[in-house]
PDB file of N, CA and C in Angstrom:
ATOM      1  N   MET A   1     160.823 -12.766 -15.505  1.00  0.00           N
ATOM      2  CA  MET A   1     160.254 -13.980 -14.949  1.00  0.00           C
ATOM      3  C   MET A   1     159.362 -13.687 -13.749  1.00  0.00           C
ATOM      4  N   PRO A   2     159.769 -12.885 -12.768  1.00  0.00           N
ATOM      5  CA  PRO A   2     158.879 -12.608 -11.634  1.00  0.00           C
ATOM      6  C   PRO A   2     157.579 -11.929 -12.064  1.00  0.00           C
ATOM      7  N   ALA A   3     157.642 -11.079 -13.092  1.00  0.00           N
ATOM      8  CA  ALA A   3     156.422 -10.421 -13.555  1.00  0.00           C
ATOM      9  C   ALA A   3     155.466 -11.440 -14.179  1.00  0.00           C
ATOM     10  N   TRP A   4     156.014 -12.378 -14.946  1.00  0.00           N
ATOM     11  CA  TRP A   4     155.174 -13.406 -15.566  1.00  0.00           C
ATOM     12  C   TRP A   4     154.555 -14.293 -14.493  1.00  0.00           C
ATOM     13  N   LEU A   5     155.353 -14.656 -13.488  1.00  0.00           N
ATOM     14  CA  LEU A   5     154.862 -15.509 -12.413  1.00  0.00           C
ATOM     15  C   LEU A   5     153.788 -14.796 -11.598  1.00  0.00           C
ATOM     16  N   ALA A   6     153.969 -13.504 -11.380  1.00  0.00           N
ATOM     17  CA  ALA A   6     152.984 -12.738 -10.625  1.00  0.00           C
ATOM     18  C   ALA A   6     151.663 -12.656 -11.377  1.00  0.00           C
ATOM     19  N   SER A   7     151.719 -12.529 -12.680  1.00  0.00           N
ATOM     20  CA  SER A   7     150.483 -12.397 -13.455  1.00  0.00           C
ATOM     21  C   SER A   7     149.827 -13.756 -13.721  1.00  0.00           C
ATOM     22  N   ASN A   8     150.575 -14.840 -13.662  1.00  0.00           N
ATOM     23  CA  ASN A   8     150.027 -16.169 -13.948  1.00  0.00           C
ATOM     24  C   ASN A   8     150.115 -17.124 -12.761  1.00  0.00           C
ATOM     25  N   GLY A   9     150.347 -16.611 -11.600  1.00  0.00           N
ATOM     26  CA  GLY A   9     150.536 -17.448 -10.412  1.00  0.00           C
ATOM     27  C   GLY A   9     149.340 -18.322 -10.086  1.00  0.00           C
ATOM     28  N   SER A  10     148.145 -17.763 -10.169  1.00  0.00           N
ATOM     29  CA  SER A  10     146.957 -18.558  -9.831  1.00  0.00           C
ATOM     30  C   SER A  10     146.740 -19.681 -10.842  1.00  0.00           C
ATOM     31  N   THR A  11     147.028 -19.419 -12.107  1.00  0.00           N
ATOM     32  CA  THR A  11     146.895 -20.457 -13.132  1.00  0.00           C
ATOM     33  C   THR A  11     147.894 -21.582 -12.893  1.00  0.00           C
ATOM     34  N   VAL A  12     149.103 -21.233 -12.546  1.00  0.00           N
ATOM     35  CA  VAL A  12     150.137 -22.227 -12.265  1.00  0.00           C
ATOM     36  C   VAL A  12     149.744 -23.047 -11.039  1.00  0.00           C
ATOM     37  N   LEU A  13     149.210 -22.406 -10.027  1.00  0.00           N
ATOM     38  CA  LEU A  13     148.793 -23.095  -8.807  1.00  0.00           C
ATOM     39  C   LEU A  13     147.664 -24.089  -9.096  1.00  0.00           C
ATOM     40  N   VAL A  14     146.662 -23.664  -9.852  1.00  0.00           N
ATOM     41  CA  VAL A  14     145.548 -24.551 -10.193  1.00  0.00           C
ATOM     42  C   VAL A  14     146.050 -25.726 -11.032  1.00  0.00           C
ATOM     43  N   ALA A  15     146.947 -25.475 -11.968  1.00  0.00           N
ATOM     44  CA  ALA A  15     147.502 -26.543 -12.800  1.00  0.00           C
ATOM     45  C   ALA A  15     148.271 -27.551 -11.953  1.00  0.00           C
ATOM     46  N   LEU A  16     149.008 -27.091 -10.964  1.00  0.00           N
ATOM     47  CA  LEU A  16     149.749 -28.001 -10.081  1.00  0.00           C
ATOM     48  C   LEU A  16     148.815 -28.844  -9.225  1.00  0.00           C
ATOM     49  N   VAL A  17     147.733 -28.251  -8.752  1.00  0.00           N
ATOM     50  CA  VAL A  17     146.760 -29.001  -7.957  1.00  0.00           C
ATOM     51  C   VAL A  17     146.101 -30.075  -8.816  1.00  0.00           C
ATOM     52  N   ILE A  18     145.716 -29.732 -10.038  1.00  0.00           N
ATOM     53  CA  ILE A  18     145.105 -30.707 -10.937  1.00  0.00           C
ATOM     54  C   ILE A  18     146.094 -31.825 -11.268  1.00  0.00           C
ATOM     55  N   LEU A  19     147.341 -31.481 -11.518  1.00  0.00           N
ATOM     56  CA  LEU A  19     148.364 -32.478 -11.801  1.00  0.00           C
ATOM     57  C   LEU A  19     148.557 -33.411 -10.620  1.00  0.00           C
ATOM     58  N   MET A  20     148.534 -32.871  -9.413  1.00  0.00           N
ATOM     59  CA  MET A  20     148.681 -33.681  -8.211  1.00  0.00           C
ATOM     60  C   MET A  20     147.505 -34.654  -8.070  1.00  0.00           C
ATOM     61  N   LEU A  21     146.283 -34.192  -8.326  1.00  0.00           N
ATOM     62  CA  LEU A  21     145.110 -35.068  -8.231  1.00  0.00           C
ATOM     63  C   LEU A  21     145.148 -36.172  -9.278  1.00  0.00           C
ATOM     64  N   VAL A  22     145.597 -35.865 -10.469  1.00  0.00           N
ATOM     65  CA  VAL A  22     145.718 -36.877 -11.515  1.00  0.00           C
ATOM     66  C   VAL A  22     146.760 -37.914 -11.124  1.00  0.00           C
ATOM     67  N   CYS A  23     147.886 -37.478 -10.584  1.00  0.00           N
ATOM     68  CA  CYS A  23     148.935 -38.415 -10.161  1.00  0.00           C
ATOM     69  C   CYS A  23     148.439 -39.337  -9.059  1.00  0.00           C
ATOM     70  N   ILE A  24     147.702 -38.811  -8.105  1.00  0.00           N
ATOM     71  CA  ILE A  24     147.152 -39.626  -7.019  1.00  0.00           C
ATOM     72  C   ILE A  24     146.160 -40.644  -7.580  1.00  0.00           C
ATOM     73  N   SER A  25     145.335 -40.211  -8.508  1.00  0.00           N
ATOM     74  CA  SER A  25     144.353 -41.102  -9.117  1.00  0.00           C
ATOM     75  C   SER A  25     145.027 -42.232  -9.888  1.00  0.00           C
ATOM     76  N   VAL A  26     146.036 -41.913 -10.677  1.00  0.00           N
ATOM     77  CA  VAL A  26     146.759 -42.929 -11.449  1.00  0.00           C
ATOM     78  C   VAL A  26     147.479 -43.892 -10.520  1.00  0.00           C
ATOM     79  N   ARG A  27     148.082 -43.367  -9.453  1.00  0.00           N
ATOM     80  CA  ARG A  27     148.775 -44.223  -8.494  1.00  0.00           C
ATOM     81  C   ARG A  27     147.807 -45.200  -7.834  1.00  0.00           C
ATOM     82  N   GLN A  28     146.619 -44.733  -7.471  1.00  0.00           N
ATOM     83  CA  GLN A  28     145.619 -45.594  -6.847  1.00  0.00           C
ATOM     84  C   GLN A  28     145.133 -46.651  -7.834  1.00  0.00           C
ATOM     85  N   PHE A  29     144.962 -46.271  -9.085  1.00  0.00           N
ATOM     86  CA  PHE A  29     144.540 -47.220 -10.118  1.00  0.00           C
ATOM     87  C   PHE A  29     145.579 -48.322 -10.286  1.00  0.00           C
ATOM     88  N   ILE A  30     146.853 -47.945 -10.343  1.00  0.00           N
ATOM     89  CA  ILE A  30     147.932 -48.920 -10.503  1.00  0.00           C
ATOM     90  C   ILE A  30     148.026 -49.820  -9.272  1.00  0.00           C
ATOM     91  N   LYS A  31     147.855 -49.243  -8.095  1.00  0.00           N
ATOM     92  CA  LYS A  31     147.915 -50.021  -6.861  1.00  0.00           C
ATOM     93  C   LYS A  31     146.787 -51.054  -6.822  1.00  0.00           C
ATOM     94  N   ASN A  32     145.577 -50.669  -7.213  1.00  0.00           N
ATOM     95  CA  ASN A  32     144.453 -51.604  -7.250  1.00  0.00           C
ATOM     96  C   ASN A  32     144.676 -52.687  -8.292  1.00  0.00           C
ATOM     97  N   LYS A  33     145.219 -52.314  -9.428  1.00  0.00           N
ATOM     98  CA  LYS A  33     145.469 -53.269 -10.500  1.00  0.00           C
ATOM     99  C   LYS A  33     146.519 -54.287 -10.056  1.00  0.00           C
ATOM    100  N   GLY A  34     147.524 -53.836  -9.310  1.00  0.00           N
ATOM    101  CA  GLY A  34     148.567 -54.732  -8.831  1.00  0.00           C
ATOM    102  C   GLY A  34     148.071 -55.728  -7.802  1.00  0.00           C
ATOM    103  N   LYS A  35     147.022 -55.382  -7.086  1.00  0.00           N
ATOM    104  CA  LYS A  35     146.452 -56.285  -6.078  1.00  0.00           C
ATOM    105  C   LYS A  35     145.511 -57.305  -6.701  1.00  0.00           C
ATOM    106  N   GLY A  36     145.377 -57.269  -8.016  1.00  0.00           N
ATOM    107  CA  GLY A  36     144.496 -58.215  -8.683  1.00  0.00           C
ATOM    108  C   GLY A  36     143.112 -57.671  -8.918  1.00  0.00           C
ATOM    109  N   GLY A  37     142.906 -56.422  -8.631  1.00  0.00           N
ATOM    110  CA  GLY A  37     141.602 -55.819  -8.855  1.00  0.00           C
ATOM    111  C   GLY A  37     141.422 -55.433 -10.306  1.00  0.00           C
ATOM    112  N   CYS A  38     140.252 -54.934 -10.607  1.00  0.00           N
ATOM    113  CA  CYS A  38     139.990 -54.560 -11.992  1.00  0.00           C
ATOM    114  C   CYS A  38     140.285 -53.088 -12.214  1.00  0.00           C
ATOM    115  N   GLY A  39     140.920 -52.418 -11.292  1.00  0.00           N
ATOM    116  CA  GLY A  39     141.336 -51.038 -11.491  1.00  0.00           C
ATOM    117  C   GLY A  39     140.338 -50.046 -10.941  1.00  0.00           C
ATOM    118  N   HIS A  40     139.159 -50.013 -11.494  1.00  0.00           N
ATOM    119  CA  HIS A  40     138.204 -48.999 -11.086  1.00  0.00           C
ATOM    120  C   HIS A  40     137.410 -49.370  -9.847  1.00  0.00           C
ATOM    121  N   CYS A  41     137.289 -50.637  -9.536  1.00  0.00           N
ATOM    122  CA  CYS A  41     136.516 -51.005  -8.349  1.00  0.00           C
ATOM    123  C   CYS A  41     137.365 -51.726  -7.307  1.00  0.00           C
ATOM    124  N   GLY A  42     138.594 -52.015  -7.588  1.00  0.00           N
ATOM    125  CA  GLY A  42     139.464 -52.671  -6.633  1.00  0.00           C
ATOM    126  C   GLY A  42     139.268 -54.171  -6.541  1.00  0.00           C
ATOM    127  N   GLY A  43     138.419 -54.727  -7.398  1.00  0.00           N
ATOM    128  CA  GLY A  43     138.212 -56.171  -7.398  1.00  0.00           C
ATOM    129  C   GLY A  43     137.294 -56.659  -6.301  1.00  0.00           C
ATOM    130  N   CYS A  44     136.617 -55.772  -5.648  1.00  0.00           N
ATOM    131  CA  CYS A  44     135.708 -56.146  -4.572  1.00  0.00           C
ATOM    132  C   CYS A  44     134.293 -56.216  -5.138  1.00  0.00           C
ATOM    133  N   CYS A  45     133.867 -57.389  -5.498  1.00  0.00           N
ATOM    134  CA  CYS A  45     132.596 -57.561  -6.206  1.00  0.00           C
ATOM    135  C   CYS A  45     131.390 -57.177  -5.362  1.00  0.00           C
ATOM    136  N   SER A  46     131.522 -57.150  -4.059  1.00  0.00           N
ATOM    137  CA  SER A  46     130.376 -56.771  -3.236  1.00  0.00           C
ATOM    138  C   SER A  46     130.057 -55.290  -3.358  1.00  0.00           C
ATOM    139  N   HIS A  47     131.030 -54.488  -3.780  1.00  0.00           N
ATOM    140  CA  HIS A  47     130.797 -53.051  -3.910  1.00  0.00           C
ATOM    141  C   HIS A  47     130.434 -52.612  -5.318  1.00  0.00           C
ATOM    142  N   CYS A  48     130.745 -53.413  -6.325  1.00  0.00           N
ATOM    143  CA  CYS A  48     130.443 -52.985  -7.700  1.00  0.00           C
ATOM    144  C   CYS A  48     129.250 -53.745  -8.265  1.00  0.00           C
ATOM    145  N   SER A  49     128.588 -54.534  -7.479  1.00  0.00           N
ATOM    146  CA  SER A  49     127.402 -55.294  -7.866  1.00  0.00           C
ATOM    147  C   SER A  49     127.667 -56.272  -9.000  1.00  0.00           C
ATOM    148  N   GLY A  50     128.909 -56.669  -9.179  1.00  0.00           N
ATOM    149  CA  GLY A  50     129.247 -57.657 -10.191  1.00  0.00           C
ATOM    150  C   GLY A  50     129.239 -57.142 -11.609  1.00  0.00           C
ATOM    151  N   GLY A  51     129.324 -55.830 -11.791  1.00  0.00           N
ATOM    152  CA  GLY A  51     129.227 -55.269 -13.132  1.00  0.00           C
ATOM    153  C   GLY A  51     130.546 -55.080 -13.849  1.00  0.00           C
ATOM    154  N   CYS A  52     131.662 -55.319 -13.184  1.00  0.00           N
ATOM    155  CA  CYS A  52     132.946 -55.080 -13.847  1.00  0.00           C
ATOM    156  C   CYS A  52     133.448 -56.368 -14.508  1.00  0.00           C
ATOM    157  N   GLY A  53     134.423 -56.243 -15.350  1.00  0.00           N
ATOM    158  CA  GLY A  53     134.986 -57.384 -16.058  1.00  0.00           C
ATOM    159  C   GLY A  53     135.598 -58.409 -15.132  1.00  0.00           C
ATOM    160  N   GLN A  54     136.177 -57.978 -14.038  1.00  0.00           N
ATOM    161  CA  GLN A  54     136.797 -58.889 -13.071  1.00  0.00           C
ATOM    162  C   GLN A  54     135.748 -59.832 -12.493  1.00  0.00           C
ATOM    163  N   CYS A  55     134.582 -59.316 -12.186  1.00  0.00           N
ATOM    164  CA  CYS A  55     133.526 -60.138 -11.604  1.00  0.00           C
ATOM    165  C   CYS A  55     132.996 -61.137 -12.615  1.00  0.00           C
ATOM    166  N   VAL A  56     132.888 -60.730 -13.868  1.00  0.00           N
ATOM    167  CA  VAL A  56     132.395 -61.632 -14.908  1.00  0.00           C
ATOM    168  C   VAL A  56     133.335 -62.815 -15.067  1.00  0.00           C
ATOM    169  N   PHE A  57     134.646 -62.551 -15.090  1.00  0.00           N
ATOM    170  CA  PHE A  57     135.622 -63.627 -15.221  1.00  0.00           C
ATOM    171  C   PHE A  57     135.624 -64.518 -13.983  1.00  0.00           C
ATOM    172  N   ARG A  58     135.488 -63.934 -12.823  1.00  0.00           N
ATOM    173  CA  ARG A  58     135.473 -64.703 -11.580  1.00  0.00           C
ATOM    174  C   ARG A  58     134.260 -65.631 -11.555  1.00  0.00           C
ATOM    175  N   ASP A  59     133.086 -65.129 -11.978  1.00  0.00           N
ATOM    176  CA  ASP A  59     131.885 -65.953 -12.006  1.00  0.00           C
ATOM    177  C   ASP A  59     132.035 -67.102 -12.993  1.00  0.00           C
ATOM    178  N   ALA A  60     132.647 -66.867 -14.131  1.00  0.00           N
ATOM    179  CA  ALA A  60     132.859 -67.920 -15.131  1.00  0.00           C
ATOM    180  C   ALA A  60     133.786 -68.997 -14.586  1.00  0.00           C
ATOM    181  N   ASP A  61     134.835 -68.593 -13.870  1.00  0.00           N
ATOM    182  CA  ASP A  61     135.759 -69.559 -13.277  1.00  0.00           C
ATOM    183  C   ASP A  61     135.054 -70.419 -12.214  1.00  0.00           C
ATOM    184  N   GLU A  62     134.188 -69.803 -11.433  1.00  0.00           N
ATOM    185  CA  GLU A  62     133.458 -70.547 -10.406  1.00  0.00           C
ATOM    186  C   GLU A  62     132.497 -71.547 -11.028  1.00  0.00           C
ATOM    187  N   GLU A  63     131.883 -71.170 -12.152  1.00  0.00           N
ATOM    188  CA  GLU A  63     130.958 -72.093 -12.817  1.00  0.00           C
ATOM    189  C   GLU A  63     131.705 -73.300 -13.374  1.00  0.00           C
ATOM    190  N   LYS A  64     132.911 -73.082 -13.899  1.00  0.00           N
ATOM    191  CA  LYS A  64     133.710 -74.179 -14.421  1.00  0.00           C
ATOM    192  C   LYS A  64     134.104 -75.151 -13.313  1.00  0.00           C
ATOM    193  N   LYS A  65     134.407 -74.628 -12.135  1.00  0.00           N
ATOM    194  CA  LYS A  65     134.794 -75.472 -11.006  1.00  0.00           C
ATOM    195  C   LYS A  65     133.625 -76.319 -10.529  1.00  0.00           C
ATOM    196  N   GLU A  66     132.412 -75.777 -10.604  1.00  0.00           N
ATOM    197  CA  GLU A  66     131.220 -76.489 -10.142  1.00  0.00           C
ATOM    198  C   GLU A  66     130.894 -77.673 -11.058  1.00  0.00           C
ATOM    199  N   LEU A  67     131.238 -77.544 -12.337  1.00  0.00           N
ATOM    200  CA  LEU A  67     130.923 -78.626 -13.281  1.00  0.00           C
ATOM    201  C   LEU A  67     131.909 -79.713 -13.119  1.00  0.00           C
TER     202      LEU A  67
END
């Protein structure tokens, strides 16, 4: 086992770093989704220029209220 770890240590380290970054990304996505955002932009329409699905639905709801 120590010989295998010594020969593959850098690969294991890189894999752990990538796994950590993926976990952080997924956690942030879930956190944004839980706050009512659309996941990728956080639901802040001023930063995504209204191009996400959340903004489209929000605009449709506002138009219905105006009528």
